[in-house]
Protein backbone atom coordinates (compact mmCIF):
# COMPACT_ATOMS: atom_id res chain seq x y z
CA MET A 1 -88.61 6.83 -93.03
CA ILE A 2 -91.98 8.45 -92.34
CA ARG A 3 -94.35 7.65 -95.19
CA SER A 4 -97.52 9.19 -93.81
CA LEU A 5 -98.21 12.74 -94.98
CA TYR A 6 -100.28 13.24 -91.83
CA LEU A 7 -97.33 12.43 -89.56
CA LYS A 8 -94.96 14.50 -91.68
CA ILE A 9 -97.21 17.55 -91.38
CA VAL A 10 -97.69 17.12 -87.61
CA ILE A 11 -94.00 16.49 -86.89
CA THR A 12 -92.94 19.38 -89.11
CA PHE A 13 -95.36 21.74 -87.38
CA ILE A 14 -94.36 20.69 -83.85
CA SER A 15 -90.65 20.91 -84.75
CA VAL A 16 -91.11 24.41 -86.15
CA VAL A 17 -93.05 25.49 -83.05
CA ILE A 18 -90.43 24.05 -80.66
CA ILE A 19 -87.60 25.78 -82.52
CA SER A 20 -89.61 29.02 -82.54
CA ILE A 21 -90.25 28.75 -78.78
CA ILE A 22 -86.56 28.16 -78.02
CA ILE A 23 -85.53 31.12 -80.17
CA SER A 24 -88.29 33.28 -78.68
CA TYR A 25 -87.28 32.39 -75.13
CA PHE A 26 -83.71 33.55 -75.66
CA VAL A 27 -84.54 36.50 -77.91
CA THR A 28 -87.41 37.90 -75.82
CA PRO A 29 -85.16 39.40 -73.08
CA PHE A 30 -83.45 41.49 -75.75
CA SER A 31 -86.77 42.82 -77.03
CA PHE A 32 -87.21 45.06 -73.99
CA HIS A 33 -84.90 46.94 -71.61
CA ARG A 34 -84.94 45.95 -67.98
CA GLU A 35 -84.75 49.57 -66.91
CA ASP A 36 -87.77 50.54 -69.00
CA LEU A 37 -89.67 47.46 -67.81
CA PHE A 38 -89.22 48.07 -64.05
CA LYS A 39 -88.50 51.81 -63.88
CA GLU A 40 -92.06 52.90 -63.19
CA GLU A 41 -92.55 50.30 -60.45
CA ILE A 42 -89.18 51.13 -58.86
CA VAL A 43 -90.05 54.82 -58.72
CA LYS A 44 -93.49 54.09 -57.21
CA VAL A 45 -91.96 51.89 -54.51
CA SER A 46 -89.30 54.49 -53.70
CA ASN A 47 -91.90 57.29 -53.46
CA GLY A 48 -93.95 55.04 -51.15
CA PHE A 49 -90.96 54.56 -48.84
CA ALA A 50 -90.34 58.32 -48.85
CA ASP A 51 -93.94 59.07 -47.86
CA LEU A 52 -93.76 56.58 -44.96
CA ILE A 53 -90.50 58.01 -43.65
CA GLU A 54 -91.73 61.59 -43.83
CA ILE A 55 -94.79 60.84 -41.69
CA THR A 56 -92.74 58.88 -39.15
CA GLY A 57 -91.04 60.56 -36.27
CA PRO A 58 -87.21 60.79 -36.40
CA GLU A 59 -86.81 58.51 -33.42
CA LYS A 60 -88.76 55.73 -35.15
CA ILE A 61 -86.97 55.95 -38.50
CA PRO A 62 -84.32 53.30 -37.68
CA ASP A 63 -86.98 50.77 -36.72
CA LEU A 64 -89.01 51.61 -39.84
CA LEU A 65 -85.99 51.18 -42.09
CA ASP A 66 -85.22 47.83 -40.50
CA THR A 67 -88.82 46.79 -41.10
CA LEU A 68 -88.77 47.87 -44.73
CA THR A 69 -85.48 46.21 -45.49
CA ASP A 70 -85.57 42.71 -46.99
CA ASP A 71 -83.71 40.73 -49.65
CA HIS A 72 -84.88 43.13 -52.35
CA PHE A 73 -84.59 46.51 -50.66
CA GLU A 74 -81.77 48.32 -48.88
CA LEU A 75 -82.38 51.85 -47.63
CA SER A 76 -80.08 54.68 -46.64
CA ILE A 77 -80.72 58.28 -45.63
CA ALA A 78 -78.01 60.82 -46.37
CA ASN A 79 -77.40 64.51 -46.71
CA GLU A 80 -74.78 66.33 -48.66
CA ASN A 81 -72.30 65.85 -45.80
CA GLY A 82 -72.62 62.08 -45.60
CA VAL A 83 -74.76 59.18 -44.51
CA TYR A 84 -77.34 60.01 -41.86
CA PHE A 85 -78.67 56.45 -41.44
CA GLU A 86 -78.49 53.16 -43.32
CA THR A 87 -79.77 49.64 -42.73
CA LYS A 88 -76.52 48.09 -43.93
CA LYS A 89 -73.67 48.95 -46.19
CA LEU A 90 -75.07 49.47 -49.72
CA SER A 91 -73.28 47.95 -52.68
CA PHE A 92 -73.54 51.35 -54.29
CA ASP A 93 -70.88 53.90 -53.44
CA ILE A 94 -72.92 56.94 -52.48
CA THR A 95 -70.90 60.08 -52.80
CA ASN A 96 -71.69 63.49 -51.44
CA GLU A 97 -72.16 64.59 -55.01
CA ASP A 98 -74.85 61.93 -55.53
CA ALA A 99 -76.69 63.03 -52.40
CA LYS A 100 -76.41 66.68 -53.49
CA ASN A 101 -77.95 65.83 -56.88
CA VAL A 102 -80.89 64.14 -55.19
CA LEU A 103 -81.41 67.04 -52.76
CA GLU A 104 -81.43 69.56 -55.59
CA SER A 105 -83.94 67.50 -57.61
CA HIS A 106 -87.69 67.56 -57.18
CA GLU A 107 -88.10 64.14 -58.84
CA PRO A 108 -86.61 60.72 -58.01
CA VAL A 109 -83.11 60.18 -59.45
CA LEU A 110 -82.25 56.73 -60.83
CA PHE A 111 -78.70 55.38 -60.56
CA THR A 112 -77.47 52.26 -62.41
CA ASP A 113 -75.11 49.65 -61.01
CA LYS A 114 -72.57 48.94 -63.71
CA THR A 115 -71.52 45.70 -62.05
CA ASP A 116 -75.02 44.23 -61.61
CA ALA A 117 -77.69 44.88 -64.25
CA SER A 118 -80.49 43.88 -61.86
CA ASN A 119 -79.49 46.45 -59.19
CA ARG A 120 -80.94 49.96 -59.17
CA LEU A 121 -80.48 52.86 -56.76
CA VAL A 122 -83.23 55.45 -56.53
CA GLY A 123 -82.65 58.74 -54.76
CA VAL A 124 -85.77 60.53 -53.47
CA PRO A 125 -85.64 63.94 -51.70
CA ILE A 126 -87.44 63.87 -48.29
CA GLU A 127 -87.90 66.15 -45.31
CA ILE A 128 -87.22 65.07 -41.73
CA SER A 129 -87.70 67.65 -38.98
CA ASN A 130 -87.78 70.42 -41.60
CA GLN A 131 -84.46 69.36 -43.03
CA ARG A 132 -83.94 67.92 -46.50
CA TYR A 133 -82.36 64.50 -46.85
CA ALA A 134 -81.79 62.07 -49.69
CA LEU A 135 -83.52 58.72 -49.30
CA MET A 136 -81.43 56.19 -51.22
CA VAL A 137 -83.31 52.98 -52.01
CA GLN A 138 -81.32 50.09 -53.45
CA ILE A 139 -83.62 47.65 -55.25
CA ASN A 140 -82.72 44.26 -56.74
CA TYR A 141 -85.38 42.94 -59.14
CA GLN A 142 -83.54 39.84 -60.35
CA ASP A 143 -86.16 37.53 -58.84
CA GLU A 144 -89.00 39.42 -60.49
CA TYR A 145 -87.15 39.32 -63.79
CA ASP A 146 -86.59 35.57 -63.41
CA GLU A 147 -90.27 35.10 -62.63
CA LEU A 148 -91.17 37.07 -65.75
CA GLN A 149 -88.98 34.85 -67.89
CA HIS A 150 -90.43 31.80 -66.19
CA GLY A 151 -93.94 33.05 -66.97
CA ILE A 152 -92.97 33.60 -70.61
CA LEU A 153 -91.59 30.05 -70.78
CA ILE A 154 -94.77 28.59 -69.26
CA SER A 155 -96.86 30.59 -71.74
CA LEU A 156 -94.79 29.33 -74.67
CA ILE A 157 -95.11 25.73 -73.46
CA VAL A 158 -98.90 26.14 -73.17
CA VAL A 159 -98.94 27.57 -76.70
CA LEU A 160 -96.93 24.56 -77.89
CA PHE A 161 -99.26 22.06 -76.23
CA VAL A 162 -102.54 23.71 -77.25
CA GLY A 163 -101.28 24.58 -80.73
CA SER A 164 -99.99 21.06 -81.32
CA LEU A 165 -103.26 19.51 -80.14
CA LEU A 166 -105.32 21.78 -82.35
CA PHE A 167 -103.01 21.21 -85.31
CA VAL A 168 -103.22 17.43 -84.90
CA LEU A 169 -106.98 17.74 -85.18
CA ALA A 170 -106.86 20.31 -88.00
CA SER A 171 -104.32 18.32 -90.02
CA ARG A 172 -106.81 15.44 -90.26
CA TYR A 173 -109.15 17.90 -91.93
CA LEU A 174 -106.40 18.71 -94.44
CA VAL A 175 -105.10 15.18 -95.01
CA ASN A 176 -108.38 13.22 -95.23
CA PRO A 177 -109.29 14.58 -98.71
CA ILE A 178 -105.84 13.52 -99.95
CA ARG A 179 -106.35 10.06 -98.47
CA ASN A 180 -109.69 9.85 -100.28
CA LEU A 181 -107.95 10.89 -103.50
CA THR A 182 -105.34 8.17 -102.96
CA ASP A 183 -108.02 5.50 -102.51
CA ALA A 184 -109.86 6.74 -105.59
CA ALA A 185 -106.62 6.75 -107.62
CA ARG A 186 -106.03 3.10 -106.67
CA LYS A 187 -109.49 2.24 -107.96
CA VAL A 188 -108.82 4.09 -111.22
CA ALA A 189 -105.52 2.19 -111.55
CA THR A 190 -107.47 -1.09 -111.45
CA GLY A 191 -109.70 0.08 -114.31
CA ASN A 192 -112.67 1.29 -112.25
CA PHE A 193 -113.37 4.76 -113.63
CA ASP A 194 -116.77 5.10 -111.98
CA VAL A 195 -115.34 6.90 -108.96
CA HIS A 196 -116.11 10.30 -107.49
CA VAL A 197 -114.35 12.06 -104.62
CA GLU A 198 -116.68 14.31 -102.64
CA ASN A 199 -115.40 17.77 -101.78
CA LYS A 200 -116.97 18.04 -98.32
CA THR A 201 -115.55 21.51 -97.68
CA LYS A 202 -117.03 22.88 -100.91
CA ASN A 203 -113.97 25.14 -101.09
CA MET A 204 -112.03 25.69 -104.29
CA ASP A 205 -108.62 25.96 -102.64
CA GLU A 206 -105.66 23.93 -103.91
CA VAL A 207 -107.08 20.68 -102.49
CA GLY A 208 -110.56 21.51 -103.79
CA GLU A 209 -109.17 22.16 -107.27
CA LEU A 210 -107.23 18.89 -107.09
CA ILE A 211 -110.42 16.99 -106.20
CA SER A 212 -112.34 18.73 -108.98
CA SER A 213 -109.56 17.96 -111.50
CA PHE A 214 -109.42 14.32 -110.37
CA ASN A 215 -113.19 13.90 -110.74
CA HIS A 216 -113.01 15.46 -114.20
CA MET A 217 -110.12 13.16 -115.13
CA ALA A 218 -112.02 10.10 -113.91
CA SER A 219 -115.10 11.17 -115.88
CA GLU A 220 -113.05 11.66 -119.04
CA LEU A 221 -111.28 8.33 -118.55
CA GLU A 222 -114.68 6.65 -118.19
CA LYS A 223 -115.79 8.25 -121.47
CA ILE A 224 -112.57 7.18 -123.18
CA ASP A 225 -112.96 3.65 -121.84
CA LYS A 226 -116.51 3.51 -123.16
CA MET A 227 -115.38 4.94 -126.50
CA ARG A 228 -112.67 2.28 -126.65
CA ASP A 229 -115.17 -0.49 -125.97
CA ASP A 230 -117.56 0.95 -128.55
CA PHE A 231 -114.71 1.32 -131.01
CA VAL A 232 -113.63 -2.30 -130.62
CA SER A 233 -117.23 -3.46 -130.86
CA ASN A 234 -117.90 -1.37 -133.97
CA VAL A 235 -114.68 -2.40 -135.71
CA SER A 236 -115.40 -6.03 -134.93
CA HIS A 237 -118.93 -5.66 -136.32
CA GLU A 238 -117.76 -3.85 -139.44
CA ILE A 239 -115.10 -6.47 -140.13
CA GLN A 240 -117.16 -9.52 -139.18
CA SER A 241 -120.06 -8.77 -141.53
CA PRO A 242 -118.09 -8.70 -144.81
CA LEU A 243 -115.88 -11.56 -143.67
CA THR A 244 -118.99 -13.66 -143.06
CA SER A 245 -120.25 -12.87 -146.55
CA VAL A 246 -116.90 -13.59 -148.16
CA LYS A 247 -116.55 -16.83 -146.21
CA GLY A 248 -120.05 -18.00 -147.11
CA PHE A 249 -119.84 -17.20 -150.80
CA THR A 250 -116.32 -18.60 -151.25
CA LYS A 251 -117.40 -21.83 -149.53
CA ALA A 252 -120.42 -22.03 -151.83
CA LEU A 253 -118.20 -21.49 -154.88
CA ARG A 254 -115.70 -24.06 -153.66
CA ASP A 255 -118.40 -26.67 -153.08
CA ASP A 256 -120.00 -25.97 -156.49
CA VAL A 257 -123.29 -25.16 -154.80
CA ILE A 258 -123.81 -22.02 -156.94
CA PRO A 259 -124.92 -22.51 -160.54
CA GLU A 260 -122.42 -21.54 -163.20
CA ASP A 261 -124.65 -18.70 -164.43
CA ASN A 262 -124.68 -17.04 -160.98
CA ARG A 263 -121.00 -17.35 -160.20
CA LYS A 264 -120.08 -13.92 -161.62
CA GLU A 265 -122.77 -12.29 -159.48
CA TYR A 266 -121.40 -13.97 -156.35
CA LEU A 267 -117.84 -13.03 -157.26
CA ASP A 268 -118.98 -9.41 -157.66
CA ILE A 269 -120.46 -9.53 -154.15
CA ILE A 270 -117.21 -10.94 -152.78
CA TYR A 271 -115.30 -8.19 -154.52
CA GLN A 272 -117.60 -5.50 -153.07
CA GLU A 273 -117.19 -6.92 -149.55
CA ILE A 274 -113.40 -6.94 -149.95
CA GLU A 275 -113.58 -3.31 -151.10
CA ARG A 276 -115.59 -2.50 -147.98
CA LEU A 277 -112.88 -4.07 -145.85
CA SER A 278 -110.24 -2.13 -147.74
CA ARG A 279 -112.07 1.18 -147.23
CA LEU A 280 -112.56 0.40 -143.55
CA SER A 281 -108.86 -0.35 -143.20
CA ASP A 282 -107.93 2.89 -145.00
CA ASN A 283 -110.28 4.93 -142.82
CA LEU A 284 -108.99 3.35 -139.62
CA LEU A 285 -105.42 4.09 -140.63
CA ARG A 286 -106.39 7.64 -141.55
CA ILE A 287 -108.15 8.17 -138.19
CA ALA A 288 -105.13 6.80 -136.32
CA SER A 289 -102.82 9.04 -138.32
CA LEU A 290 -104.95 12.14 -137.68
CA ASP A 291 -105.08 11.35 -133.96
CA SER A 292 -101.31 11.14 -133.89
CA GLU A 293 -99.41 14.29 -132.92
CA HIS A 294 -96.95 13.52 -135.70
CA HIS A 295 -99.44 13.59 -138.56
CA PRO A 296 -97.98 15.63 -141.45
CA TYR A 297 -99.60 19.06 -141.70
CA HIS A 298 -98.38 21.30 -144.53
CA PRO A 299 -100.63 24.33 -145.05
CA ILE A 300 -100.22 26.40 -148.21
CA SER A 301 -102.23 29.01 -150.08
CA TYR A 302 -104.22 27.53 -152.97
CA ARG A 303 -107.41 28.05 -154.99
CA LEU A 304 -110.37 26.57 -153.13
CA ASP A 305 -112.80 26.84 -156.08
CA GLU A 306 -110.48 24.82 -158.32
CA GLN A 307 -110.14 22.11 -155.65
CA LEU A 308 -113.93 21.78 -155.38
CA ARG A 309 -114.30 21.49 -159.18
CA ASN A 310 -111.64 18.77 -159.30
CA THR A 311 -113.38 16.84 -156.50
CA VAL A 312 -116.70 16.99 -158.38
CA LEU A 313 -114.96 15.61 -161.47
CA THR A 314 -113.40 12.82 -159.39
CA THR A 315 -116.84 11.71 -158.17
CA GLU A 316 -118.44 11.97 -161.63
CA PRO A 317 -119.03 8.19 -162.02
CA LEU A 318 -121.03 8.17 -158.77
CA TRP A 319 -123.36 11.10 -159.47
CA LYS A 320 -123.80 10.17 -163.12
CA ASP A 321 -124.84 6.65 -162.10
CA LYS A 322 -127.74 8.16 -160.08
CA ASN A 323 -128.40 10.88 -162.65
CA ILE A 324 -127.81 13.61 -160.03
CA ASP A 325 -127.71 17.25 -161.15
CA ILE A 326 -124.61 19.00 -159.75
CA GLN A 327 -124.88 22.81 -159.50
CA LEU A 328 -121.75 24.84 -158.76
CA GLN A 329 -121.62 28.45 -157.58
CA LEU A 330 -117.93 28.90 -156.88
CA GLU A 331 -116.33 32.31 -156.48
CA PRO A 332 -112.56 32.44 -157.05
CA VAL A 333 -110.90 32.45 -153.64
CA GLU A 334 -107.69 31.27 -151.99
CA ILE A 335 -107.39 29.66 -148.56
CA TYR A 336 -104.45 28.74 -146.35
CA ALA A 337 -104.73 25.03 -145.48
CA ASP A 338 -103.31 21.56 -146.05
CA GLU A 339 -104.47 20.85 -149.60
CA ASP A 340 -104.39 17.05 -149.31
CA LEU A 341 -106.34 16.97 -146.04
CA MET A 342 -108.99 19.42 -147.27
CA GLU A 343 -109.40 17.37 -150.46
CA GLN A 344 -110.38 14.45 -148.20
CA VAL A 345 -113.02 16.71 -146.54
CA TRP A 346 -114.66 17.68 -149.84
CA LEU A 347 -114.45 14.13 -151.16
CA ASN A 348 -116.22 12.71 -148.09
CA LEU A 349 -118.92 15.39 -148.03
CA ILE A 350 -119.69 15.16 -151.76
CA THR A 351 -119.59 11.36 -151.70
CA ASN A 352 -122.07 11.31 -148.80
CA ALA A 353 -124.31 13.79 -150.61
CA ILE A 354 -124.36 11.40 -153.57
CA ARG A 355 -124.82 8.20 -151.53
CA TYR A 356 -127.75 9.48 -149.54
CA ASN A 357 -129.39 11.34 -152.39
CA GLN A 358 -132.43 10.30 -154.37
CA GLN A 359 -132.28 9.01 -157.92
CA ASN A 360 -132.40 12.07 -160.24
CA GLY A 361 -131.66 14.26 -157.21
CA GLN A 362 -129.74 17.49 -156.97
CA ILE A 363 -126.58 18.72 -155.20
CA GLN A 364 -125.63 22.38 -154.82
CA ILE A 365 -122.05 23.32 -154.00
CA SER A 366 -121.33 27.01 -153.38
CA ILE A 367 -118.72 29.36 -151.96
CA GLN A 368 -120.00 32.36 -150.02
CA ILE A 369 -117.53 35.04 -148.95
CA GLU A 370 -118.53 36.95 -145.81
CA GLU A 371 -116.65 39.75 -144.03
CA SER A 372 -114.65 37.53 -141.73
CA GLU A 373 -115.00 34.04 -143.19
CA ILE A 374 -115.46 31.87 -146.26
CA GLN A 375 -118.42 29.49 -146.23
CA VAL A 376 -118.47 26.35 -148.35
CA VAL A 377 -122.01 24.95 -148.59
CA VAL A 378 -122.80 21.40 -149.76
CA LYS A 379 -126.57 20.93 -150.04
CA ASP A 380 -128.38 17.79 -151.27
CA THR A 381 -131.97 16.67 -151.79
CA GLY A 382 -131.44 13.28 -150.19
CA ILE A 383 -133.07 11.34 -147.36
CA GLY A 384 -132.03 13.82 -144.68
CA ILE A 385 -131.00 13.27 -141.05
CA PRO A 386 -133.31 13.06 -138.02
CA SER A 387 -132.82 16.02 -135.66
CA GLU A 388 -131.95 13.74 -132.73
CA ALA A 389 -129.09 12.20 -134.75
CA VAL A 390 -127.37 15.48 -135.67
CA PRO A 391 -125.40 15.89 -132.38
CA ASN A 392 -123.81 12.43 -132.84
CA LEU A 393 -123.25 12.73 -136.55
CA PHE A 394 -119.48 13.17 -136.32
CA SER A 395 -118.93 10.39 -133.77
CA ARG A 396 -116.90 7.44 -134.96
CA PHE A 397 -118.91 4.53 -136.34
CA TYR A 398 -122.15 6.39 -135.68
CA LYS A 399 -124.87 5.51 -138.16
CA VAL A 400 -128.29 7.09 -138.30
CA ASP A 401 -129.85 3.84 -139.55
CA ARG A 402 -127.52 0.88 -139.74
CA SER A 403 -129.65 -1.11 -142.13
CA ARG A 404 -130.12 1.87 -144.41
CA ASN A 405 -126.45 2.76 -144.26
CA ARG A 406 -125.56 -0.83 -145.11
CA SER A 407 -127.37 -0.41 -148.39
CA VAL A 408 -125.23 2.58 -149.29
CA ASP A 409 -122.01 0.96 -148.20
CA GLY A 410 -120.87 3.30 -145.38
CA ASN A 411 -118.92 2.47 -142.25
CA GLY A 412 -119.58 5.53 -140.09
CA LEU A 413 -116.02 6.94 -140.23
CA GLY A 414 -116.24 9.46 -143.08
CA LEU A 415 -117.75 12.36 -141.13
CA SER A 416 -115.53 11.73 -138.10
CA ILE A 417 -112.53 12.10 -140.44
CA VAL A 418 -114.05 15.33 -141.77
CA LYS A 419 -114.49 16.69 -138.26
CA LYS A 420 -110.95 15.73 -137.24
CA ILE A 421 -109.39 17.44 -140.27
CA LEU A 422 -111.43 20.61 -139.70
CA THR A 423 -110.43 20.61 -136.04
CA ILE A 424 -106.75 20.41 -137.03
CA HIS A 425 -107.29 23.47 -139.24
CA LYS A 426 -109.45 25.21 -136.59
CA PHE A 427 -112.30 25.40 -139.10
CA ASP A 428 -115.93 24.92 -138.12
CA VAL A 429 -118.79 22.85 -139.57
CA LYS A 430 -122.53 23.30 -139.24
CA VAL A 431 -125.26 20.80 -140.21
CA ASP A 432 -128.85 21.64 -141.11
CA SER A 433 -131.13 18.78 -142.09
CA ASN A 434 -134.77 17.76 -142.26
CA GLU A 435 -135.61 14.10 -142.59
CA GLY A 436 -136.88 13.36 -146.11
CA GLU A 437 -135.87 16.80 -147.43
CA GLY A 438 -132.09 16.66 -147.62
CA SER A 439 -129.08 17.98 -145.71
CA THR A 440 -126.86 21.07 -145.79
CA PHE A 441 -123.26 21.02 -144.58
CA THR A 442 -121.61 24.43 -144.11
CA ILE A 443 -117.84 24.68 -143.62
CA LYS A 444 -116.67 27.99 -142.14
CA ILE A 445 -113.12 29.09 -142.92
CA PRO A 446 -111.65 32.27 -141.37
CA ILE A 447 -110.39 34.51 -144.13
CA HIS A 448 -107.08 35.35 -142.42
CA HIS A 449 -106.43 31.86 -141.04
CA GLY A 450 -102.73 31.05 -141.04
CA ASP A 451 -101.50 34.58 -141.77
């Protein structure tokens, strides 16, 4: 079995050419008529013989006819009463009627031999000693026809040889990019995603598109591989830190190193670290579920303003603890979305607005209805976000300031969950923030979404 694409292409091409040449060789004779092919030449030769005979004296005609006769030509001179002179017996039966037709014609008359397709008889009217005669020239062009076919065969063989040679060279040009792709694919299979196949032709044909798609795939796989490594690193870090605290404090409690009066404080810390682990676990499960194609998605029409009010009430212990002023400007409006998923969006956004807000700060939550969309705005007076951090804000485990975020008990997954849920709904989110002045999150919901 031939496994090389290069050999398959070459052998297929040569096989097709050979079959085409064989078919062409046998079909070509039928593409033209012998009579049409040689008629003009036959007439010219016959007229030439007639001119020679007319300028030759009658006594020299027999010698001239003998001279002109060869394997291809037989000549006979006749009148309407019979044969006047002939070199040898013609295969054609020349009747008096045939001679009469020639004598009455001013142009050569062509007769066909029904028994031999390569034989032709041409009758040309001539004058000898002021008398009209019919010069009958029998011509056999079988050799010329065979030579023509032989020439066609030689031409086809040359085409086969030259075409095959050129195709062998050209096929390398076609196959080499595929070989490069195969080598690159083997590297990707071993886990090396830092590969790039150069498109030397710079053409965007099928092979060029394949190379471009492969390079894009390798680039995306490299990004995914890096994201996976970062994800594992971040999860390990997020889990290791609270586990270290829990391990240290429980060991201290077990060894009675901590005074009795401080034990409750240490137990509270252990409890907080366990809660952090629990929230991290919940968020990881939620992210995995949202990434899954089988995550439940049940959109319905419901009141958005009522959902926002309920979320604010749910977070009341948090904003009351920091004495934050919550201002609501909510117009009655319905949206078509998954109510449970969108509740998670508002809960995360409002919780973040509280966590990163100042003591005695302010949060404004409003609904603005435009012509084509509904905008939900969550604005706080907190610590704000540096401009360079905004593009990465929705990346998983991304934290603007890890030490600062540690103090407010975040794990960098809340906003990535928000972004994923909004993407599922085909909603959009915009962030405006100035460091030290607060942040504004705007969720844009198409009015007719889901209709």
